[in-house]
């Protein structure tokens, strides 16, 4: 038992050291304090991804229809010989830029240990999604088996990037809009697994980027309040069950 406790203490200490280094590194970046790293990198991710998707779509040799064509068709060199490079490059750049986006979510370390752990879980899930995005660009549909593995990984793990922050942020009124949108995106993602078709894939991807947009808007608008709550170490009180008074008959 003692060895297990020592191991747990070492893990907690290591996590805290990593968090401190990440926060220190982010603060050292040449970005104005009123523009959080998640806001800057999030805007970059949205612009880059959809710009490259549009360019790739323009080069598609036949009529491209989201109801019939999977998004990954844009990166297939046989189906889209002139435009595949743009889609794949966009996925790689986007995936790289997602790392600082998720690192910047340390701004959500509010509400005590529970919310902090949920945000940390969101970041870890986000790092995996970012890496999956890069792999989708490196291994497009031309490498079908590998591509499918990373595509499924991305959609599966992205569920956690919706659920974890939604649970953490719903308890605060000033971040509840982010949580509600996250729950909605989660529901659509579940539908995708029930009715797998191109348009549902598109809907899920669009919702994912809209979720990034909601996070950007919320964080930029409420960054001062988030930082105040975090610095003051304000914790939300635990819910207690009210005891019903017994009435004498």
C-alpha atoms as a PDB file:
ATOM      1  CA  UNK A   1       0.000   0.000   0.000  1.00  0.00           C
ATOM      2  CA  UNK A   2       2.840   2.368   0.876  1.00  0.00           C
ATOM      3  CA  UNK A   3       4.520   1.841  -2.505  1.00  0.00           C
ATOM      4  CA  UNK A   4       1.249   2.547  -4.339  1.00  0.00           C
ATOM      5  CA  UNK A   5       0.766   5.780  -2.407  1.00  0.00           C
ATOM      6  CA  UNK A   6       4.337   6.813  -3.147  1.00  0.00           C
ATOM      7  CA  UNK A   7       3.771   6.109  -6.834  1.00  0.00           C
ATOM      8  CA  UNK A   8       0.537   8.168  -6.829  1.00  0.00           C
ATOM      9  CA  UNK A   9       2.340  11.023  -5.074  1.00  0.00           C
ATOM     10  CA  UNK A  10       5.097  10.938  -7.699  1.00  0.00           C
ATOM     11  CA  UNK A  11       2.550  10.972 -10.542  1.00  0.00           C
ATOM     12  CA  UNK A  12       0.687  13.949  -9.029  1.00  0.00           C
ATOM     13  CA  UNK A  13       3.971  15.771  -8.508  1.00  0.00           C
ATOM     14  CA  UNK A  14       5.050  15.082 -12.106  1.00  0.00           C
ATOM     15  CA  UNK A  15       1.707  16.310 -13.501  1.00  0.00           C
ATOM     16  CA  UNK A  16       1.954  19.532 -11.473  1.00  0.00           C
ATOM     17  CA  UNK A  17       5.534  20.084 -12.673  1.00  0.00           C
ATOM     18  CA  UNK A  18       4.459  19.581 -16.297  1.00  0.00           C
ATOM     19  CA  UNK A  19       1.515  21.968 -15.841  1.00  0.00           C
ATOM     20  CA  UNK A  20       3.830  24.601 -14.338  1.00  0.00           C
ATOM     21  CA  UNK A  21       6.281  24.257 -17.243  1.00  0.00           C
ATOM     22  CA  UNK A  22       3.465  24.478 -19.818  1.00  0.00           C
ATOM     23  CA  UNK A  23       1.992  27.600 -18.217  1.00  0.00           C
ATOM     24  CA  UNK A  24       5.457  29.185 -17.980  1.00  0.00           C
ATOM     25  CA  UNK A  25       6.196  28.387 -21.640  1.00  0.00           C
ATOM     26  CA  UNK A  26       2.841  29.762 -22.810  1.00  0.00           C
ATOM     27  CA  UNK A  27       3.297  32.969 -20.810  1.00  0.00           C
ATOM     28  CA  UNK A  28       6.699  33.443 -22.448  1.00  0.00           C
ATOM     29  CA  UNK A  29       5.165  33.469 -25.933  1.00  0.00           C
ATOM     30  CA  UNK A  30       5.036  36.894 -27.664  1.00  0.00           C
ATOM     31  CA  UNK A  31       1.224  37.124 -27.565  1.00  0.00           C
ATOM     32  CA  UNK A  32      -0.620  39.973 -25.795  1.00  0.00           C
ATOM     33  CA  UNK A  33      -2.121  38.907 -22.454  1.00  0.00           C
ATOM     34  CA  UNK A  34      -5.611  39.840 -23.627  1.00  0.00           C
ATOM     35  CA  UNK A  35      -5.262  37.365 -26.486  1.00  0.00           C
ATOM     36  CA  UNK A  36      -5.004  33.880 -24.924  1.00  0.00           C
ATOM     37  CA  UNK A  37      -2.996  31.274 -26.819  1.00  0.00           C
ATOM     38  CA  UNK A  38      -6.157  29.203 -27.415  1.00  0.00           C
ATOM     39  CA  UNK A  39      -7.826  32.182 -29.095  1.00  0.00           C
ATOM     40  CA  UNK A  40      -4.898  32.913 -31.425  1.00  0.00           C
ATOM     41  CA  UNK A  41      -4.189  29.293 -32.360  1.00  0.00           C
ATOM     42  CA  UNK A  42      -7.929  28.479 -32.551  1.00  0.00           C
ATOM     43  CA  UNK A  43      -8.539  31.215 -35.130  1.00  0.00           C
ATOM     44  CA  UNK A  44      -5.505  29.977 -37.066  1.00  0.00           C
ATOM     45  CA  UNK A  45      -6.832  26.382 -37.015  1.00  0.00           C
ATOM     46  CA  UNK A  46     -10.260  27.383 -38.352  1.00  0.00           C
ATOM     47  CA  UNK A  47      -8.916  29.658 -41.097  1.00  0.00           C
ATOM     48  CA  UNK A  48      -6.220  27.231 -42.277  1.00  0.00           C
ATOM     49  CA  UNK A  49      -8.399  24.122 -42.329  1.00  0.00           C
ATOM     50  CA  UNK A  50     -11.366  25.573 -44.195  1.00  0.00           C
ATOM     51  CA  UNK A  51      -9.182  27.564 -46.600  1.00  0.00           C
ATOM     52  CA  UNK A  52      -7.335  24.411 -47.637  1.00  0.00           C
ATOM     53  CA  UNK A  53     -10.598  22.406 -47.798  1.00  0.00           C
ATOM     54  CA  UNK A  54     -12.103  25.031 -50.127  1.00  0.00           C
ATOM     55  CA  UNK A  55      -9.004  25.111 -52.365  1.00  0.00           C
ATOM     56  CA  UNK A  56      -9.001  21.310 -52.546  1.00  0.00           C
ATOM     57  CA  UNK A  57     -12.715  21.285 -53.361  1.00  0.00           C
ATOM     58  CA  UNK A  58     -12.202  23.774 -56.198  1.00  0.00           C
ATOM     59  CA  UNK A  59      -9.607  21.434 -57.745  1.00  0.00           C
ATOM     60  CA  UNK A  60     -11.884  18.381 -57.468  1.00  0.00           C
ATOM     61  CA  UNK A  61     -12.273  17.148 -61.081  1.00  0.00           C
ATOM     62  CA  UNK A  62     -15.965  16.221 -60.811  1.00  0.00           C
ATOM     63  CA  UNK A  63     -18.911  17.728 -58.927  1.00  0.00           C
ATOM     64  CA  UNK A  64     -18.227  17.426 -55.214  1.00  0.00           C
ATOM     65  CA  UNK A  65     -21.321  16.780 -53.095  1.00  0.00           C
ATOM     66  CA  UNK A  66     -21.148  16.467 -49.256  1.00  0.00           C
ATOM     67  CA  UNK A  67     -24.216  14.196 -49.417  1.00  0.00           C
ATOM     68  CA  UNK A  68     -22.315  11.674 -51.548  1.00  0.00           C
ATOM     69  CA  UNK A  69     -18.631  12.393 -50.989  1.00  0.00           C
ATOM     70  CA  UNK A  70     -16.677  11.838 -47.783  1.00  0.00           C
ATOM     71  CA  UNK A  71     -14.440  14.714 -46.768  1.00  0.00           C
ATOM     72  CA  UNK A  72     -11.431  12.397 -47.005  1.00  0.00           C
ATOM     73  CA  UNK A  73     -12.145  12.034 -50.757  1.00  0.00           C
ATOM     74  CA  UNK A  74     -10.585  15.479 -51.090  1.00  0.00           C
ATOM     75  CA  UNK A  75      -7.239  14.027 -49.990  1.00  0.00           C
ATOM     76  CA  UNK A  76      -7.367  11.033 -52.338  1.00  0.00           C
ATOM     77  CA  UNK A  77      -4.768  11.562 -55.080  1.00  0.00           C
ATOM     78  CA  UNK A  78      -6.686   9.287 -57.464  1.00  0.00           C
ATOM     79  CA  UNK A  79     -10.034  11.030 -57.004  1.00  0.00           C
ATOM     80  CA  UNK A  80      -8.558  14.517 -56.657  1.00  0.00           C
ATOM     81  CA  UNK A  81      -5.126  14.495 -58.367  1.00  0.00           C
ATOM     82  CA  UNK A  82      -4.655  18.284 -58.377  1.00  0.00           C
ATOM     83  CA  UNK A  83      -6.310  19.138 -55.054  1.00  0.00           C
ATOM     84  CA  UNK A  84      -5.344  16.274 -52.722  1.00  0.00           C
ATOM     85  CA  UNK A  85      -2.080  17.930 -51.672  1.00  0.00           C
ATOM     86  CA  UNK A  86      -3.965  20.982 -50.375  1.00  0.00           C
ATOM     87  CA  UNK A  87      -6.353  18.975 -48.207  1.00  0.00           C
ATOM     88  CA  UNK A  88      -3.603  16.772 -46.769  1.00  0.00           C
ATOM     89  CA  UNK A  89      -1.315  19.727 -46.101  1.00  0.00           C
ATOM     90  CA  UNK A  90      -4.201  21.562 -44.433  1.00  0.00           C
ATOM     91  CA  UNK A  91      -4.803  18.594 -42.100  1.00  0.00           C
ATOM     92  CA  UNK A  92      -1.123  18.457 -41.114  1.00  0.00           C
ATOM     93  CA  UNK A  93      -0.830  22.209 -40.436  1.00  0.00           C
ATOM     94  CA  UNK A  94      -4.166  22.213 -38.614  1.00  0.00           C
ATOM     95  CA  UNK A  95      -3.117  19.271 -36.443  1.00  0.00           C
ATOM     96  CA  UNK A  96       0.132  20.982 -35.458  1.00  0.00           C
ATOM     97  CA  UNK A  97      -1.722  24.209 -34.583  1.00  0.00           C
ATOM     98  CA  UNK A  98      -4.199  22.294 -32.415  1.00  0.00           C
ATOM     99  CA  UNK A  99      -1.474  21.505 -29.867  1.00  0.00           C
ATOM    100  CA  UNK A 100      -1.087  25.114 -28.635  1.00  0.00           C
ATOM    101  CA  UNK A 101      -4.877  25.466 -28.776  1.00  0.00           C
ATOM    102  CA  UNK A 102      -5.354  22.661 -26.260  1.00  0.00           C
ATOM    103  CA  UNK A 103      -2.350  23.751 -24.186  1.00  0.00           C
ATOM    104  CA  UNK A 104      -4.005  27.156 -23.820  1.00  0.00           C
ATOM    105  CA  UNK A 105      -7.022  25.584 -22.137  1.00  0.00           C
ATOM    106  CA  UNK A 106      -5.097  25.890 -18.859  1.00  0.00           C
ATOM    107  CA  UNK A 107      -7.156  29.093 -18.590  1.00  0.00           C
ATOM    108  CA  UNK A 108     -10.000  26.739 -17.602  1.00  0.00           C
ATOM    109  CA  UNK A 109      -8.197  25.470 -14.494  1.00  0.00           C
ATOM    110  CA  UNK A 110     -11.016  26.793 -12.320  1.00  0.00           C
ATOM    111  CA  UNK A 111     -13.496  25.380  -9.827  1.00  0.00           C
ATOM    112  CA  UNK A 112     -11.230  23.107  -7.819  1.00  0.00           C
ATOM    113  CA  UNK A 113      -9.617  19.710  -8.379  1.00  0.00           C
ATOM    114  CA  UNK A 114     -12.600  18.165 -10.208  1.00  0.00           C
ATOM    115  CA  UNK A 115     -12.777  20.822 -12.910  1.00  0.00           C
ATOM    116  CA  UNK A 116      -8.997  20.966 -13.184  1.00  0.00           C
ATOM    117  CA  UNK A 117      -8.822  17.209 -13.801  1.00  0.00           C
ATOM    118  CA  UNK A 118     -11.625  17.393 -16.387  1.00  0.00           C
ATOM    119  CA  UNK A 119      -9.803  20.183 -18.227  1.00  0.00           C
ATOM    120  CA  UNK A 120      -6.562  18.211 -18.089  1.00  0.00           C
ATOM    121  CA  UNK A 121      -8.412  15.193 -19.531  1.00  0.00           C
ATOM    122  CA  UNK A 122      -9.739  17.485 -22.290  1.00  0.00           C
ATOM    123  CA  UNK A 123      -6.194  18.577 -23.115  1.00  0.00           C
ATOM    124  CA  UNK A 124      -4.870  15.004 -23.258  1.00  0.00           C
ATOM    125  CA  UNK A 125      -7.776  13.964 -25.512  1.00  0.00           C
ATOM    126  CA  UNK A 126      -7.154  17.052 -27.627  1.00  0.00           C
ATOM    127  CA  UNK A 127      -3.478  16.191 -28.088  1.00  0.00           C
ATOM    128  CA  UNK A 128      -4.494  12.770 -29.394  1.00  0.00           C
ATOM    129  CA  UNK A 129      -7.017  14.359 -31.775  1.00  0.00           C
ATOM    130  CA  UNK A 130      -4.346  16.781 -33.000  1.00  0.00           C
ATOM    131  CA  UNK A 131      -1.948  13.909 -33.684  1.00  0.00           C
ATOM    132  CA  UNK A 132      -4.736  11.963 -35.428  1.00  0.00           C
ATOM    133  CA  UNK A 133      -5.380  14.970 -37.656  1.00  0.00           C
ATOM    134  CA  UNK A 134      -1.720  15.047 -38.649  1.00  0.00           C
ATOM    135  CA  UNK A 135      -1.780  11.308 -39.408  1.00  0.00           C
ATOM    136  CA  UNK A 136      -4.880  11.740 -41.588  1.00  0.00           C
ATOM    137  CA  UNK A 137      -2.880  14.202 -43.679  1.00  0.00           C
ATOM    138  CA  UNK A 138       0.214  11.974 -43.759  1.00  0.00           C
ATOM    139  CA  UNK A 139      -1.839   8.862 -44.612  1.00  0.00           C
ATOM    140  CA  UNK A 140      -4.730   9.987 -46.857  1.00  0.00           C
ATOM    141  CA  UNK A 141      -7.281   7.655 -48.452  1.00  0.00           C
ATOM    142  CA  UNK A 142      -4.546   6.261 -50.709  1.00  0.00           C
ATOM    143  CA  UNK A 143      -3.438   4.313 -47.604  1.00  0.00           C
ATOM    144  CA  UNK A 144      -6.999   3.242 -46.829  1.00  0.00           C
ATOM    145  CA  UNK A 145      -6.508   0.912 -43.831  1.00  0.00           C
ATOM    146  CA  UNK A 146      -4.186   3.283 -41.950  1.00  0.00           C
ATOM    147  CA  UNK A 147      -6.339   6.273 -42.895  1.00  0.00           C
ATOM    148  CA  UNK A 148      -9.518   4.633 -41.578  1.00  0.00           C
ATOM    149  CA  UNK A 149      -7.786   3.810 -38.291  1.00  0.00           C
ATOM    150  CA  UNK A 150      -6.763   7.435 -37.679  1.00  0.00           C
ATOM    151  CA  UNK A 151     -10.111   8.810 -38.898  1.00  0.00           C
ATOM    152  CA  UNK A 152     -12.049   6.542 -36.513  1.00  0.00           C
ATOM    153  CA  UNK A 153      -9.608   7.421 -33.718  1.00  0.00           C
ATOM    154  CA  UNK A 154     -10.210  11.118 -34.331  1.00  0.00           C
ATOM    155  CA  UNK A 155     -14.001  10.842 -34.232  1.00  0.00           C
ATOM    156  CA  UNK A 156     -13.986   8.513 -31.216  1.00  0.00           C
ATOM    157  CA  UNK A 157     -11.610  10.512 -29.027  1.00  0.00           C
ATOM    158  CA  UNK A 158     -13.147  13.839 -30.067  1.00  0.00           C
ATOM    159  CA  UNK A 159     -16.195  12.788 -28.035  1.00  0.00           C
ATOM    160  CA  UNK A 160     -14.118  13.313 -24.902  1.00  0.00           C
ATOM    161  CA  UNK A 161     -13.050  16.791 -26.052  1.00  0.00           C
ATOM    162  CA  UNK A 162     -16.769  17.649 -26.149  1.00  0.00           C
ATOM    163  CA  UNK A 163     -17.917  15.887 -22.967  1.00  0.00           C
ATOM    164  CA  UNK A 164     -15.127  16.689 -20.486  1.00  0.00           C
ATOM    165  CA  UNK A 165     -15.163  20.495 -20.878  1.00  0.00           C
ATOM    166  CA  UNK A 166     -18.963  20.508 -20.967  1.00  0.00           C
ATOM    167  CA  UNK A 167     -19.125  18.789 -17.576  1.00  0.00           C
ATOM    168  CA  UNK A 168     -16.459  21.108 -16.164  1.00  0.00           C
ATOM    169  CA  UNK A 169     -17.872  24.402 -17.461  1.00  0.00           C
ATOM    170  CA  UNK A 170     -21.611  23.836 -17.022  1.00  0.00           C
ATOM    171  CA  UNK A 171     -21.443  24.700 -13.309  1.00  0.00           C
ATOM    172  CA  UNK A 172     -20.372  28.278 -14.097  1.00  0.00           C
ATOM    173  CA  UNK A 173     -23.005  30.568 -15.593  1.00  0.00           C
ATOM    174  CA  UNK A 174     -20.429  32.574 -17.562  1.00  0.00           C
ATOM    175  CA  UNK A 175     -19.162  29.423 -19.363  1.00  0.00           C
ATOM    176  CA  UNK A 176     -22.440  27.507 -19.572  1.00  0.00           C
ATOM    177  CA  UNK A 177     -22.973  28.412 -23.240  1.00  0.00           C
ATOM    178  CA  UNK A 178     -19.786  26.505 -24.092  1.00  0.00           C
ATOM    179  CA  UNK A 179     -21.021  23.471 -22.134  1.00  0.00           C
ATOM    180  CA  UNK A 180     -24.441  23.420 -23.807  1.00  0.00           C
ATOM    181  CA  UNK A 181     -22.883  23.588 -27.270  1.00  0.00           C
ATOM    182  CA  UNK A 182     -20.458  20.820 -26.276  1.00  0.00           C
ATOM    183  CA  UNK A 183     -23.322  18.547 -25.219  1.00  0.00           C
ATOM    184  CA  UNK A 184     -25.078  19.244 -28.541  1.00  0.00           C
ATOM    185  CA  UNK A 185     -21.935  18.385 -30.516  1.00  0.00           C
ATOM    186  CA  UNK A 186     -21.637  15.167 -28.502  1.00  0.00           C
ATOM    187  CA  UNK A 187     -25.196  14.172 -29.438  1.00  0.00           C
ATOM    188  CA  UNK A 188     -24.519  14.719 -33.145  1.00  0.00           C
ATOM    189  CA  UNK A 189     -21.306  12.699 -32.882  1.00  0.00           C
ATOM    190  CA  UNK A 190     -23.274   9.801 -31.403  1.00  0.00           C
ATOM    191  CA  UNK A 191     -25.750  10.028 -34.293  1.00  0.00           C
ATOM    192  CA  UNK A 192     -22.822   9.753 -36.716  1.00  0.00           C
ATOM    193  CA  UNK A 193     -21.940   6.358 -35.244  1.00  0.00           C
ATOM    194  CA  UNK A 194     -25.553   5.219 -35.697  1.00  0.00           C
ATOM    195  CA  UNK A 195     -26.016   6.552 -39.241  1.00  0.00           C
ATOM    196  CA  UNK A 196     -22.607   6.578 -40.896  1.00  0.00           C
ATOM    197  CA  UNK A 197     -22.883   8.601 -44.090  1.00  0.00           C
ATOM    198  CA  UNK A 198     -20.958  11.476 -45.732  1.00  0.00           C
ATOM    199  CA  UNK A 199     -23.313  14.278 -44.703  1.00  0.00           C
ATOM    200  CA  UNK A 200     -23.193  13.209 -41.047  1.00  0.00           C
ATOM    201  CA  UNK A 201     -19.396  13.233 -41.219  1.00  0.00           C
ATOM    202  CA  UNK A 202     -19.534  16.765 -42.584  1.00  0.00           C
ATOM    203  CA  UNK A 203     -22.029  17.799 -39.893  1.00  0.00           C
ATOM    204  CA  UNK A 204     -19.774  16.448 -37.144  1.00  0.00           C
ATOM    205  CA  UNK A 205     -16.664  18.167 -38.518  1.00  0.00           C
ATOM    206  CA  UNK A 206     -18.495  21.474 -38.947  1.00  0.00           C
ATOM    207  CA  UNK A 207     -19.850  21.234 -35.396  1.00  0.00           C
ATOM    208  CA  UNK A 208     -16.345  20.475 -34.101  1.00  0.00           C
ATOM    209  CA  UNK A 209     -14.970  23.652 -35.628  1.00  0.00           C
ATOM    210  CA  UNK A 210     -18.002  25.618 -34.475  1.00  0.00           C
ATOM    211  CA  UNK A 211     -17.220  24.344 -30.973  1.00  0.00           C
ATOM    212  CA  UNK A 212     -13.693  25.720 -31.337  1.00  0.00           C
ATOM    213  CA  UNK A 213     -15.283  29.010 -32.404  1.00  0.00           C
ATOM    214  CA  UNK A 214     -17.562  29.027 -29.337  1.00  0.00           C
ATOM    215  CA  UNK A 215     -14.545  28.373 -27.102  1.00  0.00           C
ATOM    216  CA  UNK A 216     -12.636  31.222 -28.759  1.00  0.00           C
ATOM    217  CA  UNK A 217     -15.524  33.661 -28.363  1.00  0.00           C
ATOM    218  CA  UNK A 218     -16.209  32.676 -24.761  1.00  0.00           C
ATOM    219  CA  UNK A 219     -12.573  32.701 -23.667  1.00  0.00           C
ATOM    220  CA  UNK A 220     -11.778  36.042 -25.308  1.00  0.00           C
ATOM    221  CA  UNK A 221     -14.895  37.669 -23.865  1.00  0.00           C
ATOM    222  CA  UNK A 222     -14.458  36.292 -20.342  1.00  0.00           C
ATOM    223  CA  UNK A 223     -10.683  35.939 -20.037  1.00  0.00           C
ATOM    224  CA  UNK A 224     -10.408  38.489 -17.211  1.00  0.00           C
ATOM    225  CA  UNK A 225     -13.075  36.687 -15.192  1.00  0.00           C
ATOM    226  CA  UNK A 226     -11.494  33.280 -15.841  1.00  0.00           C
ATOM    227  CA  UNK A 227      -8.096  34.505 -14.683  1.00  0.00           C
ATOM    228  CA  UNK A 228      -9.569  36.175 -11.610  1.00  0.00           C
ATOM    229  CA  UNK A 229     -11.405  32.998 -10.572  1.00  0.00           C
ATOM    230  CA  UNK A 230      -8.280  30.912 -11.166  1.00  0.00           C
ATOM    231  CA  UNK A 231      -5.903  33.209  -9.295  1.00  0.00           C
ATOM    232  CA  UNK A 232      -8.256  33.519  -6.332  1.00  0.00           C
ATOM    233  CA  UNK A 233      -8.518  29.689  -6.147  1.00  0.00           C
ATOM    234  CA  UNK A 234     -12.297  29.945  -5.972  1.00  0.00           C
ATOM    235  CA  UNK A 235     -13.860  26.517  -5.619  1.00  0.00           C
ATOM    236  CA  UNK A 236     -17.479  25.650  -6.186  1.00  0.00           C
ATOM    237  CA  UNK A 237     -19.243  24.233  -3.146  1.00  0.00           C
ATOM    238  CA  UNK A 238     -20.217  20.577  -3.363  1.00  0.00           C
ATOM    239  CA  UNK A 239     -23.884  19.841  -3.763  1.00  0.00           C
ATOM    240  CA  UNK A 240     -25.462  18.468  -0.625  1.00  0.00           C
ATOM    241  CA  UNK A 241     -28.627  16.456  -0.566  1.00  0.00           C
ATOM    242  CA  UNK A 242     -31.393  18.081   1.383  1.00  0.00           C
ATOM    243  CA  UNK A 243     -32.897  15.856   4.010  1.00  0.00           C
ATOM    244  CA  UNK A 244     -36.630  15.632   3.893  1.00  0.00           C
ATOM    245  CA  UNK A 245     -38.350  16.393   7.127  1.00  0.00           C
ATOM    246  CA  UNK A 246     -40.507  13.584   8.377  1.00  0.00           C
ATOM    247  CA  UNK A 247     -44.046  14.683   9.026  1.00  0.00           C
ATOM    248  CA  UNK A 248     -45.962  13.075  11.808  1.00  0.00           C
ATOM    249  CA  UNK A 249     -49.286  11.635  10.787  1.00  0.00           C
END
